[in-house]
Amino acid sequence: MPRIIASLIGAAFIFVLALALFGTAKTAIEDPAKETAEQVFHLHPEDIHLSSNGFFGKYDNRQLQRGFQVYKEVCSACHSLKFVSFRDLTKIGYSEPEVKAIANQWVIEQPTVNPDTGEASTRKNVPSDRFPSPFANEVAARAANNNALPPDLSLMAKARHDGSNYIHALLTGYRPQPAALLKEFPDAKTPKGLHYNPYFANLNIAMPPPLTSDGQVTYSDGTKATKDQMARDVAAFLTWTAEPNLNTRHGAGLAAALFLIAFCFLAWGAYQNVWRDVKH
């Protein structure tokens, strides 16, 4: 008897689930959910073909240095690089004296405490320091950015899908809100204080366009600093900050692949040698 009751309860439970599934499927077919403005007008970034892409990809140090210059002169006013040290710049071609000069001349100094008075103070940066935040705390950051918190950029290329391409697309994607969007979605007008960017998840971003004109940065290597070039360079630099050991990893992967190929031939030769006198 208990088994019969348990079977009936189980059958009833399955019936209710099947009925709910049928109702959900019927509703989805007869009255499908309307597409949102984000689904219709959101754009996906194009591939900018960085030199670091692919199995054999390697960083272009000249491009990384240009990207660092864009970060220093444009992005660092709002965004931090809390996982990157000044001395890490030696990996992209800067000499130790250059790194010391960059750290010492960095606009934002390191917070510290005066050993004599115990009061909050600051000191010059040294190569072992990480890049300091432009704001004292989160409250100050929000107050200076219309209550939006500028994200740290150290791992941004890994934190976003298709990160390198996304960063480039976002920086170059600012534009007026299309009339077709407002015609189809009248309530989707960009709120005051936000900026329309079809590459951003909800189409409206709090960050004003950081790259406003060609020549905003004067590259030390003479490269023409168009908005597209600056966006490409800083995207490459932030790809490096997110994965600084990519060159080493690719080199180790290639060496491992060559070793496995050689090992396969050696194993085949050993097999032939061991079993050469065995008659089949």
Protein backbone atom coordinates (compact mmCIF):
# COMPACT_ATOMS: atom_id res chain seq x y z
CA MET A 1 0.00 0.00 0.00
CA PRO A 2 2.72 2.59 0.85
CA ARG A 3 4.36 1.89 -2.52
CA ILE A 4 1.09 2.55 -4.35
CA ILE A 5 0.58 5.85 -2.52
CA ALA A 6 4.19 6.90 -3.22
CA SER A 7 3.75 6.02 -6.92
CA LEU A 8 0.53 8.04 -7.12
CA ILE A 9 2.20 11.05 -5.48
CA GLY A 10 5.15 10.77 -7.87
CA ALA A 11 2.84 10.48 -10.88
CA ALA A 12 0.86 13.52 -9.73
CA PHE A 13 4.08 15.50 -9.29
CA ILE A 14 5.27 14.56 -12.80
CA PHE A 15 1.85 15.48 -14.24
CA VAL A 16 1.94 18.93 -12.64
CA LEU A 17 5.47 19.55 -13.96
CA ALA A 18 4.48 18.42 -17.46
CA LEU A 19 1.41 20.66 -17.35
CA ALA A 20 3.52 23.64 -16.28
CA LEU A 21 6.07 22.93 -19.03
CA PHE A 22 3.30 22.67 -21.63
CA GLY A 23 1.79 25.95 -20.46
CA THR A 24 5.14 27.72 -20.61
CA ALA A 25 5.89 26.39 -24.09
CA LYS A 26 2.42 27.33 -25.32
CA THR A 27 2.78 30.88 -23.99
CA ALA A 28 6.23 31.24 -25.56
CA ILE A 29 4.86 30.16 -28.93
CA GLU A 30 1.61 32.09 -28.90
CA ASP A 31 2.88 35.22 -27.14
CA PRO A 32 6.68 35.40 -27.49
CA ALA A 33 8.57 37.97 -25.42
CA LYS A 34 9.20 41.19 -27.28
CA GLU A 35 12.77 42.04 -28.14
CA THR A 36 14.34 44.78 -26.05
CA ALA A 37 16.27 47.77 -27.34
CA GLU A 38 19.47 46.17 -26.04
CA GLN A 39 18.83 42.99 -28.05
CA VAL A 40 18.07 44.87 -31.27
CA PHE A 41 20.67 47.65 -31.23
CA HIS A 42 23.56 46.13 -29.27
CA LEU A 43 26.59 45.64 -31.53
CA HIS A 44 29.40 43.12 -31.26
CA PRO A 45 33.01 44.31 -31.63
CA GLU A 46 35.07 43.59 -34.70
CA ASP A 47 38.45 41.85 -34.53
CA ILE A 48 41.27 44.42 -34.41
CA HIS A 49 43.92 41.74 -35.13
CA LEU A 50 46.41 42.45 -32.37
CA SER A 51 49.87 40.93 -32.78
CA SER A 52 49.28 38.95 -29.57
CA ASN A 53 46.37 37.03 -31.07
CA GLY A 54 46.70 33.38 -31.99
CA PHE A 55 48.91 30.50 -30.87
CA PHE A 56 52.10 32.17 -32.10
CA GLY A 57 51.09 35.70 -31.06
CA LYS A 58 53.58 38.03 -29.39
CA TYR A 59 53.27 41.47 -27.92
CA ASP A 60 54.50 44.46 -29.90
CA ASN A 61 56.43 46.48 -27.31
CA ARG A 62 56.21 49.68 -29.35
CA GLN A 63 52.44 49.40 -29.42
CA LEU A 64 52.32 48.56 -25.71
CA GLN A 65 54.38 51.67 -24.92
CA ARG A 66 52.01 53.79 -27.00
CA GLY A 67 49.09 52.20 -25.17
CA PHE A 68 50.70 52.99 -21.83
CA GLN A 69 51.07 56.59 -22.95
CA VAL A 70 47.34 56.73 -23.74
CA TYR A 71 46.54 55.22 -20.35
CA LYS A 72 48.85 57.68 -18.59
CA GLU A 73 47.58 60.80 -20.35
CA VAL A 74 43.89 59.90 -20.73
CA CYS A 75 42.67 56.95 -18.69
CA SER A 76 44.63 57.31 -15.45
CA ALA A 77 42.59 60.36 -14.43
CA CYS A 78 39.70 58.00 -13.56
CA HIS A 79 40.87 54.39 -13.77
CA SER A 80 43.38 52.52 -11.63
CA LEU A 81 45.77 49.66 -12.39
CA LYS A 82 45.94 48.18 -8.92
CA PHE A 83 47.49 44.86 -9.99
CA VAL A 84 50.34 46.40 -12.02
CA SER A 85 53.61 47.72 -10.58
CA PHE A 86 55.73 50.43 -12.15
CA ARG A 87 58.63 47.97 -12.42
CA ASP A 88 56.48 45.72 -14.61
CA LEU A 89 57.00 48.28 -17.38
CA THR A 90 60.49 46.84 -17.91
CA LYS A 91 58.72 43.88 -19.55
CA ILE A 92 57.46 46.11 -22.36
CA GLY A 93 60.81 47.67 -23.18
CA TYR A 94 61.34 50.47 -20.67
CA SER A 95 64.75 50.62 -19.00
CA GLU A 96 65.12 50.73 -15.21
CA PRO A 97 66.08 54.45 -15.20
CA GLU A 98 63.01 55.19 -17.34
CA VAL A 99 60.78 53.25 -14.95
CA LYS A 100 62.22 55.14 -11.97
CA ALA A 101 61.53 58.43 -13.74
CA ILE A 102 57.96 57.39 -14.63
CA ALA A 103 57.24 56.36 -11.04
CA ASN A 104 58.82 59.48 -9.55
CA GLN A 105 56.97 61.83 -11.92
CA TRP A 106 53.58 60.11 -11.68
CA VAL A 107 50.96 62.74 -10.87
CA ILE A 108 49.29 60.73 -8.10
CA GLU A 109 51.52 59.95 -5.15
CA GLN A 110 51.36 56.99 -2.79
CA PRO A 111 49.28 57.44 0.37
CA THR A 112 51.29 56.98 3.54
CA VAL A 113 51.46 58.10 7.16
CA ASN A 114 53.82 60.74 8.49
CA PRO A 115 56.03 58.85 10.99
CA ASP A 116 56.46 61.95 13.15
CA THR A 117 52.86 63.14 13.43
CA GLY A 118 50.87 60.04 12.49
CA GLU A 119 48.84 62.10 10.04
CA ALA A 120 47.91 60.93 6.54
CA SER A 121 50.45 62.00 3.97
CA THR A 122 51.82 61.07 0.53
CA ARG A 123 55.21 60.18 -0.92
CA LYS A 124 56.77 59.83 -4.34
CA ASN A 125 56.24 56.53 -6.12
CA VAL A 126 59.07 54.01 -6.49
CA PRO A 127 59.32 51.19 -9.07
CA SER A 128 58.08 48.56 -6.60
CA ASP A 129 54.83 50.46 -6.02
CA ARG A 130 51.66 49.59 -7.84
CA PHE A 131 49.92 52.26 -9.87
CA PRO A 132 47.99 54.37 -7.35
CA SER A 133 44.25 54.96 -7.57
CA PRO A 134 43.25 58.44 -8.74
CA PHE A 135 40.70 58.59 -5.90
CA ALA A 136 41.12 58.26 -2.15
CA ASN A 137 38.19 55.85 -1.84
CA GLU A 138 35.02 54.61 -3.54
CA VAL A 139 32.89 57.47 -2.21
CA ALA A 140 35.26 60.04 -3.72
CA ALA A 141 35.33 58.11 -7.01
CA ARG A 142 31.54 58.06 -7.26
CA ALA A 143 31.23 61.71 -6.27
CA ALA A 144 33.54 62.70 -9.12
CA ASN A 145 31.81 60.52 -11.72
CA ASN A 146 28.07 61.12 -11.43
CA ASN A 147 27.77 58.29 -8.88
CA ALA A 148 29.36 55.79 -11.29
CA LEU A 149 32.39 53.86 -10.04
CA PRO A 150 35.20 53.77 -12.65
CA PRO A 151 36.38 50.13 -12.79
CA ASP A 152 39.97 49.09 -12.32
CA LEU A 153 41.50 48.29 -15.71
CA SER A 154 44.18 45.78 -14.69
CA LEU A 155 42.15 42.73 -15.75
CA MET A 156 39.55 44.41 -17.95
CA ALA A 157 40.66 42.57 -21.09
CA LYS A 158 39.92 39.28 -19.30
CA ALA A 159 36.84 40.48 -17.42
CA ARG A 160 34.90 41.24 -20.61
CA HIS A 161 34.02 38.85 -23.40
CA ASP A 162 36.31 39.38 -26.38
CA GLY A 163 38.10 41.88 -24.15
CA SER A 164 40.68 43.47 -26.47
CA ASN A 165 38.17 44.00 -29.25
CA TYR A 166 35.54 45.15 -26.75
CA ILE A 167 37.82 47.84 -25.30
CA HIS A 168 38.62 49.20 -28.76
CA ALA A 169 34.97 49.11 -29.84
CA LEU A 170 33.77 50.80 -26.66
CA LEU A 171 36.30 53.64 -26.93
CA THR A 172 35.42 54.33 -30.57
CA GLY A 173 31.69 53.49 -30.37
CA TYR A 174 30.22 56.71 -28.97
CA ARG A 175 27.62 58.19 -31.31
CA PRO A 176 24.27 59.99 -31.31
CA GLN A 177 21.33 57.79 -30.43
CA PRO A 178 19.81 56.55 -33.72
CA ALA A 179 16.34 57.77 -34.66
CA ALA A 180 15.30 54.19 -35.47
CA LEU A 181 15.85 53.20 -31.84
CA LEU A 182 13.63 55.99 -30.50
CA LYS A 183 11.00 55.24 -33.11
CA GLU A 184 10.82 51.56 -32.16
CA PHE A 185 11.47 52.03 -28.44
CA PRO A 186 10.24 55.51 -27.39
CA ASP A 187 11.08 54.84 -23.75
CA ALA A 188 14.71 53.98 -24.51
CA LYS A 189 15.95 57.56 -24.71
CA THR A 190 19.42 57.91 -23.19
CA PRO A 191 19.04 59.37 -19.67
CA LYS A 192 20.64 62.67 -18.79
CA GLY A 193 24.23 62.21 -17.70
CA LEU A 194 24.72 59.00 -19.72
CA HIS A 195 26.12 58.51 -23.22
CA TYR A 196 24.87 56.25 -26.01
CA ASN A 197 27.29 53.49 -26.98
CA PRO A 198 25.94 50.41 -28.81
CA TYR A 199 28.87 48.28 -27.65
CA PHE A 200 27.99 48.74 -23.99
CA ALA A 201 25.67 46.11 -22.49
CA ASN A 202 22.66 48.38 -21.90
CA LEU A 203 23.56 50.90 -24.64
CA ASN A 204 24.04 53.78 -22.18
CA ILE A 205 27.32 54.34 -20.33
CA ALA A 206 28.22 56.84 -17.63
CA MET A 207 31.78 57.38 -18.90
CA PRO A 208 32.04 60.34 -21.29
CA PRO A 209 33.99 59.71 -24.51
CA PRO A 210 37.63 59.59 -23.34
CA LEU A 211 39.10 59.88 -26.83
CA THR A 212 37.61 63.05 -28.22
CA SER A 213 39.84 63.96 -31.15
CA ASP A 214 42.79 62.89 -33.25
CA GLY A 215 46.12 64.03 -31.85
CA GLN A 216 44.88 63.96 -28.26
CA VAL A 217 48.15 62.19 -27.42
CA THR A 218 51.49 62.97 -29.07
CA TYR A 219 53.29 59.66 -29.54
CA SER A 220 57.01 59.72 -28.85
CA ASP A 221 57.68 57.34 -31.75
CA GLY A 222 55.98 59.63 -34.29
CA THR A 223 52.95 57.39 -34.94
CA LYS A 224 49.89 59.38 -36.01
CA ALA A 225 47.54 59.40 -33.02
CA THR A 226 44.11 58.97 -34.57
CA LYS A 227 41.23 58.00 -32.28
CA ASP A 228 41.25 54.51 -33.80
CA GLN A 229 45.01 54.15 -33.30
CA MET A 230 44.86 55.32 -29.69
CA ALA A 231 42.00 52.91 -28.96
CA ARG A 232 43.94 50.03 -30.54
CA ASP A 233 47.08 50.85 -28.60
CA VAL A 234 45.42 51.15 -25.20
CA ALA A 235 43.46 47.94 -25.91
CA ALA A 236 46.79 46.20 -26.58
CA PHE A 237 48.27 47.66 -23.38
CA LEU A 238 45.31 46.49 -21.27
CA THR A 239 45.58 43.06 -22.87
CA TRP A 240 49.16 42.97 -21.59
CA THR A 241 48.19 44.12 -18.07
CA ALA A 242 45.65 41.28 -17.94
CA GLU A 243 48.09 38.68 -19.26
CA PRO A 244 51.69 39.94 -18.93
CA ASN A 245 53.24 36.48 -19.34
CA LEU A 246 51.60 35.67 -22.68
CA ASN A 247 54.91 35.63 -24.60
CA THR A 248 56.41 33.18 -22.09
CA ARG A 249 53.30 31.02 -22.10
CA HIS A 250 53.22 30.83 -25.89
CA GLY A 251 56.93 30.00 -25.97
CA ALA A 252 56.48 27.25 -23.38
CA GLY A 253 53.49 25.86 -25.27
CA LEU A 254 55.45 25.73 -28.52
CA ALA A 255 58.39 24.01 -26.81
CA ALA A 256 56.03 21.47 -25.22
CA ALA A 257 54.38 20.75 -28.57
CA LEU A 258 57.76 20.21 -30.27
CA PHE A 259 58.87 17.95 -27.41
CA LEU A 260 55.72 15.82 -27.70
CA ILE A 261 56.24 15.47 -31.45
CA ALA A 262 59.87 14.40 -30.94
CA PHE A 263 58.84 12.07 -28.12
CA CYS A 264 56.28 10.36 -30.37
CA PHE A 265 59.00 9.60 -32.95
CA LEU A 266 61.36 8.34 -30.24
CA ALA A 267 58.63 6.15 -28.77
CA TRP A 268 57.83 4.75 -32.23
CA GLY A 269 61.53 4.04 -32.84
CA ALA A 270 61.85 2.31 -29.45
CA TYR A 271 58.78 0.21 -30.19
CA GLN A 272 60.25 -0.88 -33.52
CA ASN A 273 63.58 -1.73 -31.88
CA VAL A 274 62.08 -3.77 -29.02
CA TRP A 275 59.80 -5.83 -31.23
CA ARG A 276 62.02 -6.12 -34.31
CA ASP A 277 62.85 -9.85 -33.73
CA VAL A 278 59.30 -10.89 -32.90
CA LYS A 279 57.74 -12.88 -35.71
CA HIS A 280 54.09 -12.29 -36.43
